[in-house]
Amino acid sequence: MTPNEKAESARLLLGDPVISAAFADIRLGLVSKLEQTPMADIESQHEIALTLQLLKQLRLQIESYRQHAVIEESHRKHETFVQKMRQKLT
């Protein structure tokens, strides 16, 4: 899969209301579970915290794929502008 294909897939995923709802529901469930975990159960608290961090990392990774398209478009516009300016100067 090319970076642009990843960017497009990521854009679609992040724009999908079902995916957004799934991320929100999973996070809410983990936070609720953490709140219900006994204070003495450090291992369970740690596992839930790690899972929350992984969920956040997953969303950030998908977002970084999406940003690739934004950066590529910016570079393309910049190059087009530079080429036009060079043509005007010659």
PDB file of N, CA and C in Angstrom:
ATOM      1  N   MET A   1       0.846  -1.169   0.000  1.00  0.00           N
ATOM      2  CA  MET A   1       0.000   0.000   0.000  1.00  0.00           C
ATOM      3  C   MET A   1       0.899   1.242   0.000  1.00  0.00           C
ATOM      4  N   THR A   2       0.620   2.152  -0.894  1.00  0.00           N
ATOM      5  CA  THR A   2       1.424   3.367  -0.981  1.00  0.00           C
ATOM      6  C   THR A   2       1.048   4.326   0.151  1.00  0.00           C
ATOM      7  N   PRO A   3       1.911   5.294   0.449  1.00  0.00           N
ATOM      8  CA  PRO A   3       1.565   6.284   1.476  1.00  0.00           C
ATOM      9  C   PRO A   3       0.270   7.039   1.156  1.00  0.00           C
ATOM     10  N   ASN A   4       0.046   7.339  -0.117  1.00  0.00           N
ATOM     11  CA  ASN A   4      -1.187   8.042  -0.479  1.00  0.00           C
ATOM     12  C   ASN A   4      -2.420   7.159  -0.294  1.00  0.00           C
ATOM     13  N   GLU A   5      -2.284   5.876  -0.562  1.00  0.00           N
ATOM     14  CA  GLU A   5      -3.393   4.950  -0.329  1.00  0.00           C
ATOM     15  C   GLU A   5      -3.681   4.828   1.172  1.00  0.00           C
ATOM     16  N   LYS A   6      -2.606   4.776   1.968  1.00  0.00           N
ATOM     17  CA  LYS A   6      -2.779   4.752   3.429  1.00  0.00           C
ATOM     18  C   LYS A   6      -3.487   6.016   3.901  1.00  0.00           C
ATOM     19  N   ALA A   7      -3.068   7.152   3.355  1.00  0.00           N
ATOM     20  CA  ALA A   7      -3.661   8.435   3.749  1.00  0.00           C
ATOM     21  C   ALA A   7      -5.148   8.460   3.426  1.00  0.00           C
ATOM     22  N   GLU A   8      -5.509   7.984   2.262  1.00  0.00           N
ATOM     23  CA  GLU A   8      -6.927   7.968   1.864  1.00  0.00           C
ATOM     24  C   GLU A   8      -7.725   7.014   2.743  1.00  0.00           C
ATOM     25  N   SER A   9      -7.174   5.837   2.999  1.00  0.00           N
ATOM     26  CA  SER A   9      -7.868   4.878   3.879  1.00  0.00           C
ATOM     27  C   SER A   9      -8.022   5.454   5.285  1.00  0.00           C
ATOM     28  N   ALA A  10      -6.984   6.102   5.772  1.00  0.00           N
ATOM     29  CA  ALA A  10      -7.042   6.715   7.104  1.00  0.00           C
ATOM     30  C   ALA A  10      -8.092   7.818   7.149  1.00  0.00           C
ATOM     31  N   ARG A  11      -8.166   8.617   6.089  1.00  0.00           N
ATOM     32  CA  ARG A  11      -9.161   9.690   6.030  1.00  0.00           C
ATOM     33  C   ARG A  11     -10.569   9.103   6.100  1.00  0.00           C
ATOM     34  N   LEU A  12     -10.784   8.025   5.366  1.00  0.00           N
ATOM     35  CA  LEU A  12     -12.096   7.375   5.378  1.00  0.00           C
ATOM     36  C   LEU A  12     -12.409   6.779   6.749  1.00  0.00           C
ATOM     37  N   LEU A  13     -11.409   6.139   7.349  1.00  0.00           N
ATOM     38  CA  LEU A  13     -11.620   5.550   8.677  1.00  0.00           C
ATOM     39  C   LEU A  13     -11.980   6.606   9.710  1.00  0.00           C
ATOM     40  N   LEU A  14     -11.195   7.684   9.739  1.00  0.00           N
ATOM     41  CA  LEU A  14     -11.417   8.719  10.744  1.00  0.00           C
ATOM     42  C   LEU A  14     -12.721   9.479  10.514  1.00  0.00           C
ATOM     43  N   GLY A  15     -13.186   9.468   9.279  1.00  0.00           N
ATOM     44  CA  GLY A  15     -14.454  10.127   8.977  1.00  0.00           C
ATOM     45  C   GLY A  15     -15.662   9.231   9.156  1.00  0.00           C
ATOM     46  N   ASP A  16     -15.436   7.965   9.406  1.00  0.00           N
ATOM     47  CA  ASP A  16     -16.522   6.997   9.554  1.00  0.00           C
ATOM     48  C   ASP A  16     -17.122   7.110  10.958  1.00  0.00           C
ATOM     49  N   PRO A  17     -18.412   7.428  11.056  1.00  0.00           N
ATOM     50  CA  PRO A  17     -19.028   7.585  12.383  1.00  0.00           C
ATOM     51  C   PRO A  17     -19.027   6.293  13.204  1.00  0.00           C
ATOM     52  N   VAL A  18     -19.065   5.150  12.547  1.00  0.00           N
ATOM     53  CA  VAL A  18     -19.043   3.871  13.272  1.00  0.00           C
ATOM     54  C   VAL A  18     -17.679   3.680  13.937  1.00  0.00           C
ATOM     55  N   ILE A  19     -16.605   3.991  13.208  1.00  0.00           N
ATOM     56  CA  ILE A  19     -15.255   3.872  13.776  1.00  0.00           C
ATOM     57  C   ILE A  19     -15.080   4.851  14.929  1.00  0.00           C
ATOM     58  N   SER A  20     -15.542   6.086  14.733  1.00  0.00           N
ATOM     59  CA  SER A  20     -15.445   7.092  15.804  1.00  0.00           C
ATOM     60  C   SER A  20     -16.209   6.642  17.042  1.00  0.00           C
ATOM     61  N   ALA A  21     -17.402   6.107  16.827  1.00  0.00           N
ATOM     62  CA  ALA A  21     -18.205   5.618  17.950  1.00  0.00           C
ATOM     63  C   ALA A  21     -17.519   4.440  18.636  1.00  0.00           C
ATOM     64  N   ALA A  22     -16.900   3.565  17.857  1.00  0.00           N
ATOM     65  CA  ALA A  22     -16.205   2.419  18.440  1.00  0.00           C
ATOM     66  C   ALA A  22     -15.052   2.879  19.322  1.00  0.00           C
ATOM     67  N   PHE A  23     -14.243   3.821  18.831  1.00  0.00           N
ATOM     68  CA  PHE A  23     -13.157   4.350  19.648  1.00  0.00           C
ATOM     69  C   PHE A  23     -13.697   4.965  20.943  1.00  0.00           C
ATOM     70  N   ALA A  24     -14.747   5.749  20.829  1.00  0.00           N
ATOM     71  CA  ALA A  24     -15.321   6.408  22.008  1.00  0.00           C
ATOM     72  C   ALA A  24     -15.891   5.388  22.985  1.00  0.00           C
ATOM     73  N   ASP A  25     -16.606   4.387  22.465  1.00  0.00           N
ATOM     74  CA  ASP A  25     -17.207   3.373  23.332  1.00  0.00           C
ATOM     75  C   ASP A  25     -16.150   2.525  24.034  1.00  0.00           C
ATOM     76  N   ILE A  26     -15.102   2.155  23.306  1.00  0.00           N
ATOM     77  CA  ILE A  26     -14.021   1.365  23.914  1.00  0.00           C
ATOM     78  C   ILE A  26     -13.359   2.171  25.020  1.00  0.00           C
ATOM     79  N   ARG A  27     -13.072   3.441  24.740  1.00  0.00           N
ATOM     80  CA  ARG A  27     -12.437   4.292  25.747  1.00  0.00           C
ATOM     81  C   ARG A  27     -13.334   4.438  26.979  1.00  0.00           C
ATOM     82  N   LEU A  28     -14.610   4.710  26.735  1.00  0.00           N
ATOM     83  CA  LEU A  28     -15.554   4.867  27.846  1.00  0.00           C
ATOM     84  C   LEU A  28     -15.635   3.588  28.683  1.00  0.00           C
ATOM     85  N   GLY A  29     -15.653   2.439  28.005  1.00  0.00           N
ATOM     86  CA  GLY A  29     -15.693   1.165  28.720  1.00  0.00           C
ATOM     87  C   GLY A  29     -14.450   0.937  29.567  1.00  0.00           C
ATOM     88  N   LEU A  30     -13.285   1.291  29.017  1.00  0.00           N
ATOM     89  CA  LEU A  30     -12.035   1.123  29.767  1.00  0.00           C
ATOM     90  C   LEU A  30     -11.971   2.051  30.970  1.00  0.00           C
ATOM     91  N   VAL A  31     -12.402   3.297  30.772  1.00  0.00           N
ATOM     92  CA  VAL A  31     -12.397   4.250  31.890  1.00  0.00           C
ATOM     93  C   VAL A  31     -13.360   3.775  32.982  1.00  0.00           C
ATOM     94  N   SER A  32     -14.519   3.304  32.575  1.00  0.00           N
ATOM     95  CA  SER A  32     -15.489   2.783  33.536  1.00  0.00           C
ATOM     96  C   SER A  32     -14.918   1.590  34.299  1.00  0.00           C
ATOM     97  N   LYS A  33     -14.259   0.702  33.558  1.00  0.00           N
ATOM     98  CA  LYS A  33     -13.641  -0.472  34.187  1.00  0.00           C
ATOM     99  C   LYS A  33     -12.558  -0.041  35.171  1.00  0.00           C
ATOM    100  N   LEU A  34     -11.765   0.960  34.784  1.00  0.00           N
ATOM    101  CA  LEU A  34     -10.706   1.468  35.662  1.00  0.00           C
ATOM    102  C   LEU A  34     -11.300   2.049  36.937  1.00  0.00           C
ATOM    103  N   GLU A  35     -12.396   2.777  36.797  1.00  0.00           N
ATOM    104  CA  GLU A  35     -13.052   3.367  37.968  1.00  0.00           C
ATOM    105  C   GLU A  35     -13.599   2.298  38.912  1.00  0.00           C
ATOM    106  N   GLN A  36     -13.975   1.160  38.356  1.00  0.00           N
ATOM    107  CA  GLN A  36     -14.548   0.090  39.170  1.00  0.00           C
ATOM    108  C   GLN A  36     -13.496  -0.861  39.742  1.00  0.00           C
ATOM    109  N   THR A  37     -12.277  -0.747  39.271  1.00  0.00           N
ATOM    110  CA  THR A  37     -11.209  -1.638  39.732  1.00  0.00           C
ATOM    111  C   THR A  37     -10.802  -1.254  41.151  1.00  0.00           C
ATOM    112  N   PRO A  38     -10.712  -2.230  42.026  1.00  0.00           N
ATOM    113  CA  PRO A  38     -10.303  -1.935  43.404  1.00  0.00           C
ATOM    114  C   PRO A  38      -8.913  -1.271  43.450  1.00  0.00           C
ATOM    115  N   MET A  39      -8.740  -0.382  44.398  1.00  0.00           N
ATOM    116  CA  MET A  39      -7.472   0.345  44.545  1.00  0.00           C
ATOM    117  C   MET A  39      -6.296  -0.615  44.741  1.00  0.00           C
ATOM    118  N   ALA A  40      -6.546  -1.731  45.380  1.00  0.00           N
ATOM    119  CA  ALA A  40      -5.466  -2.676  45.670  1.00  0.00           C
ATOM    120  C   ALA A  40      -5.071  -3.512  44.447  1.00  0.00           C
ATOM    121  N   ASP A  41      -5.884  -3.488  43.414  1.00  0.00           N
ATOM    122  CA  ASP A  41      -5.608  -4.303  42.224  1.00  0.00           C
ATOM    123  C   ASP A  41      -4.749  -3.509  41.232  1.00  0.00           C
ATOM    124  N   ILE A  42      -3.517  -3.332  41.595  1.00  0.00           N
ATOM    125  CA  ILE A  42      -2.573  -2.534  40.808  1.00  0.00           C
ATOM    126  C   ILE A  42      -2.343  -3.136  39.426  1.00  0.00           C
ATOM    127  N   GLU A  43      -2.262  -4.456  39.346  1.00  0.00           N
ATOM    128  CA  GLU A  43      -1.999  -5.111  38.061  1.00  0.00           C
ATOM    129  C   GLU A  43      -3.114  -4.828  37.056  1.00  0.00           C
ATOM    130  N   SER A  44      -4.366  -4.934  37.494  1.00  0.00           N
ATOM    131  CA  SER A  44      -5.493  -4.658  36.592  1.00  0.00           C
ATOM    132  C   SER A  44      -5.512  -3.190  36.178  1.00  0.00           C
ATOM    133  N   GLN A  45      -5.227  -2.311  37.138  1.00  0.00           N
ATOM    134  CA  GLN A  45      -5.173  -0.882  36.820  1.00  0.00           C
ATOM    135  C   GLN A  45      -4.119  -0.617  35.751  1.00  0.00           C
ATOM    136  N   HIS A  46      -2.977  -1.248  35.909  1.00  0.00           N
ATOM    137  CA  HIS A  46      -1.878  -1.072  34.962  1.00  0.00           C
ATOM    138  C   HIS A  46      -2.278  -1.578  33.573  1.00  0.00           C
ATOM    139  N   GLU A  47      -2.900  -2.744  33.511  1.00  0.00           N
ATOM    140  CA  GLU A  47      -3.321  -3.312  32.228  1.00  0.00           C
ATOM    141  C   GLU A  47      -4.340  -2.414  31.527  1.00  0.00           C
ATOM    142  N   ILE A  48      -5.280  -1.888  32.286  1.00  0.00           N
ATOM    143  CA  ILE A  48      -6.293  -1.001  31.707  1.00  0.00           C
ATOM    144  C   ILE A  48      -5.642   0.292  31.212  1.00  0.00           C
ATOM    145  N   ALA A  49      -4.720   0.823  32.002  1.00  0.00           N
ATOM    146  CA  ALA A  49      -4.018   2.050  31.591  1.00  0.00           C
ATOM    147  C   ALA A  49      -3.220   1.812  30.311  1.00  0.00           C
ATOM    148  N   LEU A  50      -2.558   0.669  30.220  1.00  0.00           N
ATOM    149  CA  LEU A  50      -1.822   0.344  28.993  1.00  0.00           C
ATOM    150  C   LEU A  50      -2.763   0.225  27.797  1.00  0.00           C
ATOM    151  N   THR A  51      -3.905  -0.386  28.011  1.00  0.00           N
ATOM    152  CA  THR A  51      -4.876  -0.526  26.930  1.00  0.00           C
ATOM    153  C   THR A  51      -5.378   0.833  26.474  1.00  0.00           C
ATOM    154  N   LEU A  52      -5.620   1.734  27.411  1.00  0.00           N
ATOM    155  CA  LEU A  52      -6.020   3.105  27.058  1.00  0.00           C
ATOM    156  C   LEU A  52      -4.933   3.797  26.236  1.00  0.00           C
ATOM    157  N   GLN A  53      -3.697   3.609  26.633  1.00  0.00           N
ATOM    158  CA  GLN A  53      -2.585   4.215  25.900  1.00  0.00           C
ATOM    159  C   GLN A  53      -2.483   3.635  24.482  1.00  0.00           C
ATOM    160  N   LEU A  54      -2.670   2.331  24.359  1.00  0.00           N
ATOM    161  CA  LEU A  54      -2.625   1.691  23.038  1.00  0.00           C
ATOM    162  C   LEU A  54      -3.764   2.178  22.142  1.00  0.00           C
ATOM    163  N   LEU A  55      -4.933   2.358  22.720  1.00  0.00           N
ATOM    164  CA  LEU A  55      -6.069   2.880  21.964  1.00  0.00           C
ATOM    165  C   LEU A  55      -5.750   4.283  21.433  1.00  0.00           C
ATOM    166  N   LYS A  56      -5.150   5.099  22.286  1.00  0.00           N
ATOM    167  CA  LYS A  56      -4.758   6.451  21.871  1.00  0.00           C
ATOM    168  C   LYS A  56      -3.686   6.394  20.781  1.00  0.00           C
ATOM    169  N   GLN A  57      -2.708   5.494  20.950  1.00  0.00           N
ATOM    170  CA  GLN A  57      -1.642   5.341  19.949  1.00  0.00           C
ATOM    171  C   GLN A  57      -2.209   4.913  18.602  1.00  0.00           C
ATOM    172  N   LEU A  58      -3.181   4.029  18.619  1.00  0.00           N
ATOM    173  CA  LEU A  58      -3.798   3.561  17.382  1.00  0.00           C
ATOM    174  C   LEU A  58      -4.445   4.729  16.642  1.00  0.00           C
ATOM    175  N   ARG A  59      -5.209   5.538  17.363  1.00  0.00           N
ATOM    176  CA  ARG A  59      -5.854   6.694  16.743  1.00  0.00           C
ATOM    177  C   ARG A  59      -4.808   7.675  16.199  1.00  0.00           C
ATOM    178  N   LEU A  60      -3.752   7.914  16.970  1.00  0.00           N
ATOM    179  CA  LEU A  60      -2.700   8.836  16.525  1.00  0.00           C
ATOM    180  C   LEU A  60      -1.969   8.303  15.292  1.00  0.00           C
ATOM    181  N   GLN A  61      -1.764   6.998  15.217  1.00  0.00           N
ATOM    182  CA  GLN A  61      -1.095   6.419  14.050  1.00  0.00           C
ATOM    183  C   GLN A  61      -1.957   6.574  12.810  1.00  0.00           C
ATOM    184  N   ILE A  62      -3.246   6.321  12.942  1.00  0.00           N
ATOM    185  CA  ILE A  62      -4.156   6.507  11.806  1.00  0.00           C
ATOM    186  C   ILE A  62      -4.159   7.976  11.388  1.00  0.00           C
ATOM    187  N   GLU A  63      -4.165   8.867  12.358  1.00  0.00           N
ATOM    188  CA  GLU A  63      -4.123  10.308  12.072  1.00  0.00           C
ATOM    189  C   GLU A  63      -2.826  10.687  11.356  1.00  0.00           C
ATOM    190  N   SER A  64      -1.712  10.071  11.742  1.00  0.00           N
ATOM    191  CA  SER A  64      -0.440  10.390  11.074  1.00  0.00           C
ATOM    192  C   SER A  64      -0.464   9.928   9.618  1.00  0.00           C
ATOM    193  N   TYR A  65      -1.116   8.807   9.333  1.00  0.00           N
ATOM    194  CA  TYR A  65      -1.268   8.376   7.943  1.00  0.00           C
ATOM    195  C   TYR A  65      -2.097   9.392   7.159  1.00  0.00           C
ATOM    196  N   ARG A  66      -3.157   9.895   7.792  1.00  0.00           N
ATOM    197  CA  ARG A  66      -4.015  10.879   7.129  1.00  0.00           C
ATOM    198  C   ARG A  66      -3.250  12.162   6.858  1.00  0.00           C
ATOM    199  N   GLN A  67      -2.418  12.569   7.790  1.00  0.00           N
ATOM    200  CA  GLN A  67      -1.649  13.804   7.640  1.00  0.00           C
ATOM    201  C   GLN A  67      -0.693  13.733   6.459  1.00  0.00           C
ATOM    202  N   HIS A  68      -0.278  12.534   6.087  1.00  0.00           N
ATOM    203  CA  HIS A  68       0.623  12.380   4.949  1.00  0.00           C
ATOM    204  C   HIS A  68       0.027  13.039   3.701  1.00  0.00           C
ATOM    205  N   ALA A  69      -1.259  12.840   3.476  1.00  0.00           N
ATOM    206  CA  ALA A  69      -1.918  13.424   2.308  1.00  0.00           C
ATOM    207  C   ALA A  69      -1.914  14.942   2.382  1.00  0.00           C
ATOM    208  N   VAL A  70      -2.126  15.485   3.565  1.00  0.00           N
ATOM    209  CA  VAL A  70      -2.127  16.936   3.745  1.00  0.00           C
ATOM    210  C   VAL A  70      -0.745  17.501   3.446  1.00  0.00           C
ATOM    211  N   ILE A  71       0.278  16.841   3.941  1.00  0.00           N
ATOM    212  CA  ILE A  71       1.657  17.289   3.716  1.00  0.00           C
ATOM    213  C   ILE A  71       2.022  17.179   2.242  1.00  0.00           C
ATOM    214  N   GLU A  72       1.651  16.076   1.614  1.00  0.00           N
ATOM    215  CA  GLU A  72       1.934  15.896   0.187  1.00  0.00           C
ATOM    216  C   GLU A  72       1.269  16.982  -0.647  1.00  0.00           C
ATOM    217  N   GLU A  73       0.037  17.305  -0.331  1.00  0.00           N
ATOM    218  CA  GLU A  73      -0.677  18.358  -1.062  1.00  0.00           C
ATOM    219  C   GLU A  73       0.008  19.702  -0.875  1.00  0.00           C
ATOM    220  N   SER A  74       0.456  19.982   0.325  1.00  0.00           N
ATOM    221  CA  SER A  74       1.168  21.228   0.599  1.00  0.00           C
ATOM    222  C   SER A  74       2.465  21.307  -0.198  1.00  0.00           C
ATOM    223  N   HIS A  75       3.209  20.212  -0.242  1.00  0.00           N
ATOM    224  CA  HIS A  75       4.456  20.163  -1.019  1.00  0.00           C
ATOM    225  C   HIS A  75       4.183  20.362  -2.506  1.00  0.00           C
ATOM    226  N   ARG A  76       3.120  19.739  -2.989  1.00  0.00           N
ATOM    227  CA  ARG A  76       2.763  19.851  -4.396  1.00  0.00           C
ATOM    228  C   ARG A  76       2.428  21.305  -4.754  1.00  0.00           C
ATOM    229  N   LYS A  77       1.648  21.968  -3.891  1.00  0.00           N
ATOM    230  CA  LYS A  77       1.305  23.372  -4.125  1.00  0.00           C
ATOM    231  C   LYS A  77       2.545  24.250  -4.087  1.00  0.00           C
ATOM    232  N   HIS A  78       3.427  23.971  -3.154  1.00  0.00           N
ATOM    233  CA  HIS A  78       4.665  24.751  -3.040  1.00  0.00           C
ATOM    234  C   HIS A  78       5.506  24.597  -4.300  1.00  0.00           C
ATOM    235  N   GLU A  79       5.666  23.366  -4.769  1.00  0.00           N
ATOM    236  CA  GLU A  79       6.454  23.122  -5.975  1.00  0.00           C
ATOM    237  C   GLU A  79       5.835  23.797  -7.194  1.00  0.00           C
ATOM    238  N   THR A  80       4.525  23.750  -7.293  1.00  0.00           N
ATOM    239  CA  THR A  80       3.836  24.417  -8.404  1.00  0.00           C
ATOM    240  C   THR A  80       4.082  25.917  -8.356  1.00  0.00           C
ATOM    241  N   PHE A  81       3.999  26.490  -7.170  1.00  0.00           N
ATOM    242  CA  PHE A  81       4.245  27.922  -6.997  1.00  0.00           C
ATOM    243  C   PHE A  81       5.681  28.279  -7.384  1.00  0.00           C
ATOM    244  N   VAL A  82       6.629  27.487  -6.928  1.00  0.00           N
ATOM    245  CA  VAL A  82       8.040  27.740  -7.236  1.00  0.00           C
ATOM    246  C   VAL A  82       8.272  27.665  -8.741  1.00  0.00           C
ATOM    247  N   GLN A  83       7.701  26.676  -9.395  1.00  0.00           N
ATOM    248  CA  GLN A  83       7.857  26.542 -10.843  1.00  0.00           C
ATOM    249  C   GLN A  83       7.278  27.742 -11.582  1.00  0.00           C
ATOM    250  N   LYS A  84       6.117  28.221 -11.158  1.00  0.00           N
ATOM    251  CA  LYS A  84       5.501  29.384 -11.793  1.00  0.00           C
ATOM    252  C   LYS A  84       6.376  30.620 -11.624  1.00  0.00           C
ATOM    253  N   MET A  85       6.929  30.788 -10.438  1.00  0.00           N
ATOM    254  CA  MET A  85       7.794  31.945 -10.185  1.00  0.00           C
ATOM    255  C   MET A  85       9.060  31.873 -11.022  1.00  0.00           C
ATOM    256  N   ARG A  86       9.620  30.688 -11.176  1.00  0.00           N
ATOM    257  CA  ARG A  86      10.815  30.515 -11.997  1.00  0.00           C
ATOM    258  C   ARG A  86      10.518  30.852 -13.458  1.00  0.00           C
ATOM    259  N   GLN A  87       9.346  30.431 -13.919  1.00  0.00           N
ATOM    260  CA  GLN A  87       8.969  30.719 -15.313  1.00  0.00           C
ATOM    261  C   GLN A  87       8.811  32.227 -15.516  1.00  0.00           C
ATOM    262  N   LYS A  88       8.255  32.907 -14.548  1.00  0.00           N
ATOM    263  CA  LYS A  88       8.069  34.356 -14.664  1.00  0.00           C
ATOM    264  C   LYS A  88       9.399  35.098 -14.673  1.00  0.00           C
ATOM    265  N   LEU A  89      10.364  34.551 -13.944  1.00  0.00           N
ATOM    266  CA  LEU A  89      11.652  35.206 -13.860  1.00  0.00           C
ATOM    267  C   LEU A  89      12.541  34.945 -15.063  1.00  0.00           C
ATOM    268  N   THR A  90      12.242  33.945 -15.840  1.00  0.00           N
ATOM    269  CA  THR A  90      13.083  33.635 -16.998  1.00  0.00           C
ATOM    270  C   THR A  90      12.470  34.130 -18.286  1.00  0.00           C
TER     271      THR A  90
END
